[in-house]
């Protein structure tokens, strides 16, 4: 569904908070082309500022069960 950038940001922020509260690892797919077209990375920068409060990990640091 189409939505305004601020609506998308509120949705993603809520999902991240819920996932982390439940002990999960939130993964965000934010394609650079979409972020550029949407508003020149303005919303992506807001998202990055929001995410600073959480611990981040690299995919290489996540161990998968064998």
N, C-alpha and C. Protein backbone atom coordinates (compact mmCIF):
# COMPACT_ATOMS: atom_id res chain seq x y z
N UNK A 1 0.83 -1.18 0.00
CA UNK A 1 0.00 0.00 0.00
C UNK A 1 0.88 1.25 0.00
N UNK A 2 0.47 2.23 -0.73
CA UNK A 2 1.21 3.48 -0.78
C UNK A 2 0.97 4.26 0.50
N UNK A 3 2.00 4.96 0.94
CA UNK A 3 1.87 5.80 2.14
C UNK A 3 2.88 6.93 2.06
N UNK A 4 2.64 7.94 2.86
CA UNK A 4 3.56 9.07 2.93
C UNK A 4 4.81 8.65 3.70
N UNK A 5 5.94 9.33 3.44
CA UNK A 5 7.19 8.97 4.11
C UNK A 5 7.08 8.93 5.63
N UNK A 6 6.41 9.89 6.25
CA UNK A 6 6.29 9.90 7.71
C UNK A 6 5.45 8.73 8.21
N UNK A 7 4.45 8.31 7.42
CA UNK A 7 3.66 7.14 7.78
C UNK A 7 4.54 5.89 7.76
N UNK A 8 5.35 5.76 6.72
CA UNK A 8 6.26 4.62 6.60
C UNK A 8 7.23 4.60 7.78
N UNK A 9 7.78 5.76 8.11
CA UNK A 9 8.74 5.85 9.21
C UNK A 9 8.09 5.45 10.53
N UNK A 10 6.89 5.94 10.80
CA UNK A 10 6.19 5.57 12.04
C UNK A 10 5.92 4.07 12.09
N UNK A 11 5.55 3.50 10.97
CA UNK A 11 5.31 2.06 10.90
C UNK A 11 6.58 1.27 11.21
N UNK A 12 7.68 1.63 10.57
CA UNK A 12 8.95 0.93 10.77
C UNK A 12 9.43 1.09 12.21
N UNK A 13 9.35 2.29 12.75
CA UNK A 13 9.78 2.52 14.12
C UNK A 13 8.97 1.66 15.10
N UNK A 14 7.68 1.59 14.91
CA UNK A 14 6.83 0.76 15.76
C UNK A 14 7.19 -0.71 15.66
N UNK A 15 7.46 -1.17 14.44
CA UNK A 15 7.84 -2.57 14.26
C UNK A 15 9.17 -2.87 14.92
N UNK A 16 10.13 -1.98 14.77
CA UNK A 16 11.45 -2.17 15.40
C UNK A 16 11.29 -2.25 16.91
N UNK A 17 10.54 -1.34 17.49
CA UNK A 17 10.35 -1.33 18.95
C UNK A 17 9.69 -2.62 19.42
N UNK A 18 8.69 -3.11 18.70
CA UNK A 18 8.00 -4.34 19.07
C UNK A 18 8.93 -5.54 18.97
N UNK A 19 9.67 -5.65 17.89
CA UNK A 19 10.58 -6.77 17.69
C UNK A 19 11.64 -6.80 18.79
N UNK A 20 12.23 -5.66 19.08
CA UNK A 20 13.28 -5.61 20.10
C UNK A 20 12.72 -5.90 21.48
N UNK A 21 11.54 -5.36 21.78
CA UNK A 21 10.90 -5.61 23.07
C UNK A 21 10.66 -7.10 23.28
N UNK A 22 10.40 -7.82 22.19
CA UNK A 22 10.15 -9.25 22.26
C UNK A 22 11.42 -10.09 22.12
N UNK A 23 12.60 -9.44 22.16
CA UNK A 23 13.87 -10.16 22.13
C UNK A 23 14.37 -10.53 20.75
N UNK A 24 13.78 -9.97 19.73
CA UNK A 24 14.19 -10.30 18.37
C UNK A 24 15.23 -9.34 17.82
N UNK A 25 15.61 -9.59 16.60
CA UNK A 25 16.55 -8.74 15.86
C UNK A 25 15.78 -8.15 14.68
N UNK A 26 15.64 -6.85 14.67
CA UNK A 26 14.91 -6.18 13.60
C UNK A 26 15.80 -6.01 12.38
N UNK A 27 15.27 -6.32 11.23
CA UNK A 27 15.97 -6.14 9.97
C UNK A 27 15.14 -5.20 9.10
N UNK A 28 15.79 -4.19 8.56
CA UNK A 28 15.08 -3.19 7.76
C UNK A 28 15.61 -3.21 6.33
N UNK A 29 14.71 -3.33 5.38
CA UNK A 29 15.07 -3.24 3.98
C UNK A 29 14.71 -1.83 3.52
N UNK A 30 15.72 -1.02 3.29
CA UNK A 30 15.51 0.36 2.83
C UNK A 30 16.40 0.56 1.62
N UNK A 31 15.85 0.34 0.44
CA UNK A 31 16.64 0.40 -0.79
C UNK A 31 17.05 1.84 -1.10
N UNK A 32 18.32 2.06 -1.40
CA UNK A 32 18.79 3.43 -1.67
C UNK A 32 18.01 4.16 -2.75
N UNK A 33 17.65 3.46 -3.82
CA UNK A 33 16.90 4.13 -4.90
C UNK A 33 15.55 4.62 -4.39
N UNK A 34 14.89 3.79 -3.60
CA UNK A 34 13.58 4.18 -3.04
C UNK A 34 13.73 5.37 -2.10
N UNK A 35 14.78 5.33 -1.28
CA UNK A 35 14.99 6.42 -0.32
C UNK A 35 15.30 7.74 -1.05
N UNK A 36 16.04 7.66 -2.12
CA UNK A 36 16.37 8.86 -2.91
C UNK A 36 15.12 9.42 -3.58
N UNK A 37 14.35 8.55 -4.21
CA UNK A 37 13.15 8.99 -4.92
C UNK A 37 12.11 9.54 -3.95
N UNK A 38 11.98 8.89 -2.79
CA UNK A 38 10.95 9.27 -1.84
C UNK A 38 11.12 10.72 -1.38
N UNK A 39 12.33 11.07 -0.91
CA UNK A 39 12.52 12.43 -0.42
C UNK A 39 13.99 12.80 -0.26
N UNK A 40 14.82 12.24 -1.12
CA UNK A 40 16.24 12.59 -1.08
C UNK A 40 16.93 12.15 0.21
N UNK A 41 16.53 11.01 0.76
CA UNK A 41 17.13 10.41 1.96
C UNK A 41 16.74 11.12 3.27
N UNK A 42 15.83 12.06 3.23
CA UNK A 42 15.43 12.79 4.45
C UNK A 42 14.81 11.83 5.49
N UNK A 43 13.88 10.99 5.05
CA UNK A 43 13.25 10.04 5.96
C UNK A 43 14.26 8.98 6.42
N UNK A 44 15.14 8.56 5.54
CA UNK A 44 16.17 7.59 5.92
C UNK A 44 17.07 8.16 7.02
N UNK A 45 17.40 9.43 6.93
CA UNK A 45 18.22 10.06 7.97
C UNK A 45 17.47 10.08 9.30
N UNK A 46 16.17 10.34 9.26
CA UNK A 46 15.36 10.30 10.48
C UNK A 46 15.37 8.88 11.06
N UNK A 47 15.27 7.88 10.19
CA UNK A 47 15.31 6.49 10.63
C UNK A 47 16.64 6.17 11.29
N UNK A 48 17.73 6.61 10.70
CA UNK A 48 19.06 6.36 11.27
C UNK A 48 19.21 7.01 12.63
N UNK A 49 18.69 8.22 12.78
CA UNK A 49 18.74 8.89 14.09
C UNK A 49 17.96 8.10 15.13
N UNK A 50 16.82 7.57 14.75
CA UNK A 50 16.01 6.75 15.66
C UNK A 50 16.75 5.47 16.04
N UNK A 51 17.40 4.85 15.09
CA UNK A 51 18.06 3.56 15.32
C UNK A 51 19.31 3.66 16.18
N UNK A 52 19.85 4.85 16.33
CA UNK A 52 21.07 5.02 17.13
C UNK A 52 20.92 4.53 18.57
N UNK A 53 19.71 4.52 19.08
CA UNK A 53 19.49 4.12 20.47
C UNK A 53 19.60 2.61 20.69
N UNK A 54 19.63 1.84 19.61
CA UNK A 54 19.65 0.40 19.70
C UNK A 54 21.03 -0.15 19.34
N UNK A 55 21.35 -1.29 19.94
CA UNK A 55 22.58 -1.98 19.58
C UNK A 55 22.43 -2.52 18.16
N UNK A 56 23.49 -2.42 17.39
CA UNK A 56 23.44 -2.96 16.03
C UNK A 56 24.44 -4.11 15.91
N UNK A 57 24.15 -4.99 14.97
CA UNK A 57 25.03 -6.12 14.71
C UNK A 57 25.19 -6.28 13.20
N UNK A 58 26.30 -6.84 12.81
CA UNK A 58 26.53 -7.17 11.41
C UNK A 58 26.01 -8.59 11.17
N UNK A 59 25.56 -8.86 9.98
CA UNK A 59 25.08 -10.19 9.68
C UNK A 59 26.14 -11.25 9.94
N UNK A 60 27.40 -10.92 9.73
CA UNK A 60 28.46 -11.90 9.96
C UNK A 60 28.59 -12.28 11.43
N UNK A 61 28.05 -11.44 12.33
CA UNK A 61 28.14 -11.70 13.76
C UNK A 61 26.95 -12.50 14.30
N UNK A 62 25.98 -12.77 13.45
CA UNK A 62 24.81 -13.54 13.88
C UNK A 62 25.09 -15.01 13.57
N UNK A 63 25.06 -15.82 14.61
CA UNK A 63 25.32 -17.25 14.44
C UNK A 63 24.00 -17.98 14.20
N UNK A 64 24.01 -18.77 13.17
CA UNK A 64 22.82 -19.56 12.83
C UNK A 64 22.98 -20.98 13.37
N UNK A 65 21.89 -21.57 13.84
CA UNK A 65 21.98 -22.95 14.34
C UNK A 65 22.41 -23.89 13.21
N UNK A 66 23.19 -24.85 13.56
CA UNK A 66 23.67 -25.84 12.56
C UNK A 66 22.67 -26.96 12.39
